[in-house]
Protein backbone atom coordinates (compact mmCIF):
# COMPACT_ATOMS: atom_id res chain seq x y z
CA MET A 1 0.12 -0.09 0.06
CA LYS A 2 1.40 3.43 -0.99
CA LYS A 3 1.75 6.29 1.45
CA GLY A 4 -1.58 7.83 1.93
CA LEU A 5 -3.46 5.23 0.13
CA LYS A 6 -6.45 3.72 2.11
CA PHE A 7 -6.86 0.59 0.11
CA THR A 8 -5.09 -2.12 -1.83
CA LYS A 9 -5.73 -3.04 -5.39
CA GLU A 10 -7.29 -6.54 -4.10
CA GLN A 11 -9.40 -4.46 -1.81
CA LEU A 12 -10.69 -2.21 -4.54
CA GLU A 13 -11.23 -5.08 -7.02
CA ASP A 14 -13.17 -7.02 -4.46
CA LEU A 15 -15.40 -4.11 -3.49
CA TYR A 16 -16.02 -3.17 -7.20
CA HIS A 17 -16.27 -6.47 -9.02
CA ASN A 18 -17.28 -9.01 -6.11
CA LYS A 19 -19.46 -6.87 -4.06
CA LYS A 20 -20.61 -4.80 -6.98
CA LEU A 21 -20.44 -1.44 -4.92
CA SER A 22 -20.51 1.76 -6.97
CA LEU A 23 -17.56 4.25 -7.20
CA SER A 24 -19.36 6.59 -4.90
CA SER A 25 -20.19 3.96 -2.27
CA ILE A 26 -16.63 2.85 -2.28
CA GLY A 27 -15.42 6.50 -2.05
CA LYS A 28 -17.80 6.88 0.93
CA LYS A 29 -16.40 3.79 2.56
CA PHE A 30 -12.89 5.29 2.30
CA ASN A 31 -13.94 9.11 2.91
CA CYS A 32 -12.73 10.24 -0.61
CA GLU A 33 -14.58 11.42 -3.81
CA GLU A 34 -15.57 8.72 -6.58
CA THR A 35 -13.20 10.49 -8.89
CA ASN A 36 -10.33 9.35 -6.61
CA ILE A 37 -11.58 5.65 -6.77
CA LEU A 38 -11.70 5.97 -10.51
CA TYR A 39 -8.18 7.29 -10.60
CA TRP A 40 -6.82 4.35 -8.60
CA MET A 41 -8.79 1.94 -10.64
CA LYS A 42 -7.18 3.24 -13.72
CA LYS A 43 -3.72 3.39 -11.90
CA PHE A 44 -4.30 -0.23 -10.76
CA ASN A 45 -5.51 -1.18 -14.27
CA ILE A 46 -8.92 -2.53 -12.95
CA LYS A 47 -11.40 -2.86 -15.69
CA ARG A 48 -14.64 -1.07 -15.36
CA ARG A 49 -17.97 -3.04 -15.25
CA SER A 50 -20.12 -2.80 -18.49
CA VAL A 51 -23.04 -0.28 -18.24
CA TYR A 52 -26.28 -1.94 -17.12
CA TYR A 53 -29.66 -0.45 -18.16
CA ARG A 54 -32.49 -1.60 -16.43
CA ALA A 55 -35.72 -2.03 -18.74
CA ILE A 56 -38.85 0.06 -17.47
CA ARG A 57 -41.89 -1.86 -17.92
CA ILE A 58 -44.90 0.45 -19.11
CA PRO A 59 -48.26 -1.10 -19.75
CA LYS A 60 -49.50 -1.04 -23.27
CA GLU A 61 -52.60 0.85 -22.17
CA VAL A 62 -50.55 3.64 -20.54
CA LEU A 63 -48.41 4.05 -23.73
CA GLU A 64 -51.65 4.12 -26.03
CA ASP A 65 -53.12 6.73 -23.75
CA LEU A 66 -50.04 8.94 -23.87
CA TYR A 67 -48.96 8.57 -27.54
CA ILE A 68 -52.42 8.07 -29.32
CA LYS A 69 -55.09 9.68 -27.21
CA LYS A 70 -53.15 12.55 -25.70
CA ASN A 71 -50.75 12.99 -28.64
CA ILE A 72 -47.63 13.33 -26.25
CA LEU A 73 -44.48 12.58 -28.18
CA PRO A 74 -41.38 11.08 -26.39
CA LEU A 75 -38.36 13.32 -25.46
CA ARG A 76 -35.43 13.12 -27.65
C-alpha cells in the first residue's frame, strides 16, 4: 500500500467487482471522492464493469393513452 492510500488493489477489485459497489459507495467507505476511486482503478488497471440499463416496463394501455389519445411525443 502506498503512502496515503487507504486501500489495496485487491480490496478495490473485491469491492467493485465481487461486491458490486458503485464508485461513490466505495469512495464513501474510504472517505474520498468517487473521482479518486476512478483514478486508482485506472492506476491499478482495474477494468470497469459494463454499463447496465434496467428495462422500464410500461403497460400498453398507458403508452396508448399517452401517444395516441393525448398525442404526447417522447423526449429526444
